[in-house]
Amino acid sequence: SAPISTTMNSLEETGIPSCFTAILAELQKHEDNFGGLKNFVHRPFIEQKVTKRQFQQYTDFEYIYLTVLSFAKLHLNMDLILEKFNGQARADNPSVQLLEVLCGITMHGDRSGAVALLQHAPPSLLEAFRVSGHTRRGPRG
């Protein structure tokens, strides 16, 4: 099983923007529906790049939470990550290495569309969340 993590900082301490903490707060309301916490004590957090194997062991709640957190960290560090982007594969691309350290995710930096993906992922998530609040059944219906 995945290691249980015990370190925790408040989201405010980590500087996560309120637009992302709103998503996490809404997710928190559905924690039990998505399998709850099994690999973290208080809430999921990013310590390092998350491997495919770790992701496979996470509950849906943990997986979603970490994905939102990763996109928030990408949003916060976008300029630095893009500045270091060189279009090379992971081993030779400081941007991809920085993405792993800061955001806990990786990508193929040598593939077409990599920069666009980086630029559009956080705003796409925020827009999807915004739109989800406007359904026929009401907010988050």
C-alpha atoms as a PDB file:
ATOM      1  CA  SER A   1       0.000   0.000   0.000  1.00  0.00           C
ATOM      2  CA  ALA A   2       1.008   3.621  -0.432  1.00  0.00           C
ATOM      3  CA  PRO A   3       2.901   5.281   2.409  1.00  0.00           C
ATOM      4  CA  ILE A   4       0.782   7.236   4.862  1.00  0.00           C
ATOM      5  CA  SER A   5       1.841  10.864   5.006  1.00  0.00           C
ATOM      6  CA  THR A   6       1.524  12.854   8.206  1.00  0.00           C
ATOM      7  CA  THR A   7       2.946  16.270   7.316  1.00  0.00           C
ATOM      8  CA  MET A   8       0.362  18.968   6.723  1.00  0.00           C
ATOM      9  CA  ASN A   9       0.322  22.697   6.159  1.00  0.00           C
ATOM     10  CA  SER A  10      -2.896  24.646   5.845  1.00  0.00           C
ATOM     11  CA  LEU A  11      -3.804  25.540   2.279  1.00  0.00           C
ATOM     12  CA  GLU A  12      -3.461  29.189   3.233  1.00  0.00           C
ATOM     13  CA  GLU A  13       0.117  28.561   4.371  1.00  0.00           C
ATOM     14  CA  THR A  14       0.949  26.986   1.036  1.00  0.00           C
ATOM     15  CA  GLY A  15      -0.426  29.996  -0.847  1.00  0.00           C
ATOM     16  CA  ILE A  16      -3.073  28.091  -2.817  1.00  0.00           C
ATOM     17  CA  PRO A  17      -5.357  30.665  -4.487  1.00  0.00           C
ATOM     18  CA  SER A  18      -8.944  30.852  -3.253  1.00  0.00           C
ATOM     19  CA  CYS A  19     -10.316  29.830  -6.662  1.00  0.00           C
ATOM     20  CA  PHE A  20      -8.661  26.428  -6.170  1.00  0.00           C
ATOM     21  CA  THR A  21      -9.449  26.144  -2.466  1.00  0.00           C
ATOM     22  CA  ALA A  22     -13.124  26.590  -3.425  1.00  0.00           C
ATOM     23  CA  ILE A  23     -12.855  23.459  -5.575  1.00  0.00           C
ATOM     24  CA  LEU A  24     -11.185  21.563  -2.754  1.00  0.00           C
ATOM     25  CA  ALA A  25     -13.847  22.731  -0.285  1.00  0.00           C
ATOM     26  CA  GLU A  26     -16.584  21.453  -2.589  1.00  0.00           C
ATOM     27  CA  LEU A  27     -14.727  18.169  -3.043  1.00  0.00           C
ATOM     28  CA  GLN A  28     -14.403  17.834   0.725  1.00  0.00           C
ATOM     29  CA  LYS A  29     -18.212  17.713   0.980  1.00  0.00           C
ATOM     30  CA  HIS A  30     -18.136  14.507  -1.075  1.00  0.00           C
ATOM     31  CA  GLU A  31     -15.102  12.867   0.518  1.00  0.00           C
ATOM     32  CA  ASP A  32     -16.959   9.740   1.632  1.00  0.00           C
ATOM     33  CA  ASN A  33     -18.565   9.279  -1.799  1.00  0.00           C
ATOM     34  CA  PHE A  34     -15.087   9.166  -3.360  1.00  0.00           C
ATOM     35  CA  GLY A  35     -13.455   6.712  -0.968  1.00  0.00           C
ATOM     36  CA  GLY A  36     -12.184   9.110   1.701  1.00  0.00           C
ATOM     37  CA  LEU A  37      -8.645   9.238   2.999  1.00  0.00           C
ATOM     38  CA  LYS A  38      -6.578   6.072   3.114  1.00  0.00           C
ATOM     39  CA  ASN A  39      -3.042   7.244   2.354  1.00  0.00           C
ATOM     40  CA  PHE A  40      -2.977  10.553   4.237  1.00  0.00           C
ATOM     41  CA  VAL A  41      -3.819  11.469   7.811  1.00  0.00           C
ATOM     42  CA  HIS A  42      -5.459  14.895   7.429  1.00  0.00           C
ATOM     43  CA  ARG A  43      -5.677  15.609   3.707  1.00  0.00           C
ATOM     44  CA  PRO A  44      -3.651  14.847   0.579  1.00  0.00           C
ATOM     45  CA  PHE A  45      -0.594  16.960  -0.123  1.00  0.00           C
ATOM     46  CA  ILE A  46       2.263  16.959  -2.610  1.00  0.00           C
ATOM     47  CA  GLU A  47       5.689  16.014  -1.325  1.00  0.00           C
ATOM     48  CA  GLN A  48       7.303  14.961  -4.587  1.00  0.00           C
ATOM     49  CA  LYS A  49       6.388  13.646  -8.013  1.00  0.00           C
ATOM     50  CA  VAL A  50       3.594  11.131  -7.644  1.00  0.00           C
ATOM     51  CA  THR A  51       4.256   7.896  -9.490  1.00  0.00           C
ATOM     52  CA  LYS A  52       1.719   5.962 -11.534  1.00  0.00           C
ATOM     53  CA  ARG A  53       1.827   3.213  -8.921  1.00  0.00           C
ATOM     54  CA  GLN A  54       1.018   5.667  -6.114  1.00  0.00           C
ATOM     55  CA  PHE A  55      -1.845   7.171  -8.101  1.00  0.00           C
ATOM     56  CA  GLN A  56      -3.277   3.697  -8.622  1.00  0.00           C
ATOM     57  CA  GLN A  57      -3.353   3.142  -4.846  1.00  0.00           C
ATOM     58  CA  TYR A  58      -5.075   6.437  -4.047  1.00  0.00           C
ATOM     59  CA  THR A  59      -8.793   6.646  -3.457  1.00  0.00           C
ATOM     60  CA  ASP A  60     -10.752   8.686  -5.980  1.00  0.00           C
ATOM     61  CA  PHE A  61     -10.952  11.462  -3.382  1.00  0.00           C
ATOM     62  CA  GLU A  62      -7.169  11.530  -2.934  1.00  0.00           C
ATOM     63  CA  TYR A  63      -6.583  11.385  -6.697  1.00  0.00           C
ATOM     64  CA  ILE A  64      -8.963  14.262  -7.407  1.00  0.00           C
ATOM     65  CA  TYR A  65      -7.639  16.327  -4.504  1.00  0.00           C
ATOM     66  CA  LEU A  66      -4.021  15.891  -5.620  1.00  0.00           C
ATOM     67  CA  THR A  67      -4.927  16.735  -9.216  1.00  0.00           C
ATOM     68  CA  VAL A  68      -6.582  19.994  -8.154  1.00  0.00           C
ATOM     69  CA  LEU A  69      -3.624  20.784  -5.902  1.00  0.00           C
ATOM     70  CA  SER A  70      -1.204  20.078  -8.774  1.00  0.00           C
ATOM     71  CA  PHE A  71      -3.073  22.427 -11.090  1.00  0.00           C
ATOM     72  CA  ALA A  72      -3.089  25.107  -8.372  1.00  0.00           C
ATOM     73  CA  LYS A  73       0.665  24.806  -7.981  1.00  0.00           C
ATOM     74  CA  LEU A  74       1.083  24.896 -11.756  1.00  0.00           C
ATOM     75  CA  HIS A  75      -1.010  28.080 -11.803  1.00  0.00           C
ATOM     76  CA  LEU A  76       1.210  29.648  -9.127  1.00  0.00           C
ATOM     77  CA  ASN A  77       4.459  28.647 -10.834  1.00  0.00           C
ATOM     78  CA  MET A  78       3.431  28.985 -14.487  1.00  0.00           C
ATOM     79  CA  ASP A  79       5.841  31.779 -15.420  1.00  0.00           C
ATOM     80  CA  LEU A  80       8.859  30.016 -13.953  1.00  0.00           C
ATOM     81  CA  ILE A  81       7.910  26.665 -15.501  1.00  0.00           C
ATOM     82  CA  LEU A  82       7.360  28.194 -18.944  1.00  0.00           C
ATOM     83  CA  GLU A  83      10.573  30.225 -18.693  1.00  0.00           C
ATOM     84  CA  LYS A  84      12.579  27.007 -18.297  1.00  0.00           C
ATOM     85  CA  PHE A  85      10.735  25.099 -21.034  1.00  0.00           C
ATOM     86  CA  ASN A  86      13.038  24.008 -23.864  1.00  0.00           C
ATOM     87  CA  GLY A  87      10.976  21.445 -25.789  1.00  0.00           C
ATOM     88  CA  GLN A  88      13.225  18.552 -24.818  1.00  0.00           C
ATOM     89  CA  ALA A  89      12.443  15.234 -23.162  1.00  0.00           C
ATOM     90  CA  ARG A  90      12.188  15.024 -19.374  1.00  0.00           C
ATOM     91  CA  ALA A  91      15.853  14.291 -18.650  1.00  0.00           C
ATOM     92  CA  ASP A  92      16.968  17.379 -20.595  1.00  0.00           C
ATOM     93  CA  ASN A  93      14.078  19.708 -19.819  1.00  0.00           C
ATOM     94  CA  PRO A  94      14.403  21.804 -16.652  1.00  0.00           C
ATOM     95  CA  SER A  95      10.759  22.799 -16.996  1.00  0.00           C
ATOM     96  CA  VAL A  96       9.518  19.222 -16.721  1.00  0.00           C
ATOM     97  CA  GLN A  97      11.847  18.578 -13.796  1.00  0.00           C
ATOM     98  CA  LEU A  98      10.543  21.708 -12.063  1.00  0.00           C
ATOM     99  CA  LEU A  99       6.953  20.616 -12.760  1.00  0.00           C
ATOM    100  CA  GLU A 100       7.696  17.333 -10.988  1.00  0.00           C
ATOM    101  CA  VAL A 101       9.234  19.016  -7.941  1.00  0.00           C
ATOM    102  CA  LEU A 102       6.737  21.851  -7.539  1.00  0.00           C
ATOM    103  CA  CYS A 103       3.519  20.247  -8.776  1.00  0.00           C
ATOM    104  CA  GLY A 104       4.049  16.522  -8.277  1.00  0.00           C
ATOM    105  CA  ILE A 105       3.227  15.763 -11.929  1.00  0.00           C
ATOM    106  CA  THR A 106       5.185  15.139 -15.089  1.00  0.00           C
ATOM    107  CA  MET A 107       4.680  15.473 -18.818  1.00  0.00           C
ATOM    108  CA  HIS A 108       6.307  14.802 -22.167  1.00  0.00           C
ATOM    109  CA  GLY A 109       7.980  18.142 -22.800  1.00  0.00           C
ATOM    110  CA  ASP A 110       9.125  17.072 -26.225  1.00  0.00           C
ATOM    111  CA  ARG A 111       5.612  16.580 -27.607  1.00  0.00           C
ATOM    112  CA  SER A 112       3.637  19.009 -29.707  1.00  0.00           C
ATOM    113  CA  GLY A 113       1.216  21.068 -27.651  1.00  0.00           C
ATOM    114  CA  ALA A 114       3.090  20.719 -24.348  1.00  0.00           C
ATOM    115  CA  VAL A 115       3.233  24.467 -23.698  1.00  0.00           C
ATOM    116  CA  ALA A 116      -0.435  24.934 -24.588  1.00  0.00           C
ATOM    117  CA  LEU A 117      -1.348  22.114 -22.233  1.00  0.00           C
ATOM    118  CA  LEU A 118       0.551  23.760 -19.391  1.00  0.00           C
ATOM    119  CA  GLN A 119      -1.031  27.134 -20.087  1.00  0.00           C
ATOM    120  CA  HIS A 120      -4.595  25.894 -20.419  1.00  0.00           C
ATOM    121  CA  ALA A 121      -4.866  23.157 -17.778  1.00  0.00           C
ATOM    122  CA  PRO A 122      -5.428  25.360 -14.678  1.00  0.00           C
ATOM    123  CA  PRO A 123      -7.882  27.793 -16.325  1.00  0.00           C
ATOM    124  CA  SER A 124      -9.770  24.867 -17.888  1.00  0.00           C
ATOM    125  CA  LEU A 125     -10.253  23.295 -14.470  1.00  0.00           C
ATOM    126  CA  LEU A 126     -11.421  26.608 -12.997  1.00  0.00           C
ATOM    127  CA  GLU A 127     -13.867  27.153 -15.852  1.00  0.00           C
ATOM    128  CA  ALA A 128     -15.263  23.621 -15.524  1.00  0.00           C
ATOM    129  CA  PHE A 129     -15.831  24.216 -11.818  1.00  0.00           C
ATOM    130  CA  ARG A 130     -17.481  27.577 -12.496  1.00  0.00           C
ATOM    131  CA  VAL A 131     -19.813  26.066 -15.084  1.00  0.00           C
ATOM    132  CA  SER A 132     -20.657  23.151 -12.780  1.00  0.00           C
ATOM    133  CA  GLY A 133     -22.303  25.608 -10.413  1.00  0.00           C
ATOM    134  CA  HIS A 134     -24.880  26.554 -13.020  1.00  0.00           C
ATOM    135  CA  THR A 135     -26.993  23.495 -13.661  1.00  0.00           C
ATOM    136  CA  ARG A 136     -30.757  23.138 -13.975  1.00  0.00           C
ATOM    137  CA  ARG A 137     -30.820  21.638 -10.485  1.00  0.00           C
ATOM    138  CA  GLY A 138     -28.994  24.585  -8.935  1.00  0.00           C
ATOM    139  CA  PRO A 139     -25.468  25.103  -7.615  1.00  0.00           C
ATOM    140  CA  ARG A 140     -23.308  21.978  -7.954  1.00  0.00           C
ATOM    141  CA  GLY A 141     -26.539  20.102  -8.781  1.00  0.00           C
END
